[in-house]
Amino acid sequence: IAIMTRAAPAKLLGLTDRGHLGAGATADIAVYRRDRSIAKMLGQAAYVFKDGDLVVQDGEIIHYRWGKALRLKPPVDKAMVRRLEDYHQQR
């Protein structure tokens, strides 16, 4: 799940300081309580850290951190666009 929702998008967008917990990475971390229902578990993080600061605890915002919006224009894979167009034309 972490690869699909964090690591892969960061890599695809060229954000080398995000999507992983390595040295030099931005410390944006969500911690979830284990639950049999994945949807319930991922529906509300128990803890959220923004730039290393705890901002959500037990599902409640405890500290506001204002950040900046990242606006990116990644390169378009023309082969993927063709595959998507072909797929949708067949439907």
Foldseek 3Di string as FASTA:
>chain_A
DLCVPWVVVCVQQVPPQTSDDDPNHQPWDFAWDDDPDPCVGVVATQWTAGSNHTQHHHRRGDDDDDDDDDDGDGDDDVVVVVVVVVVVVVD
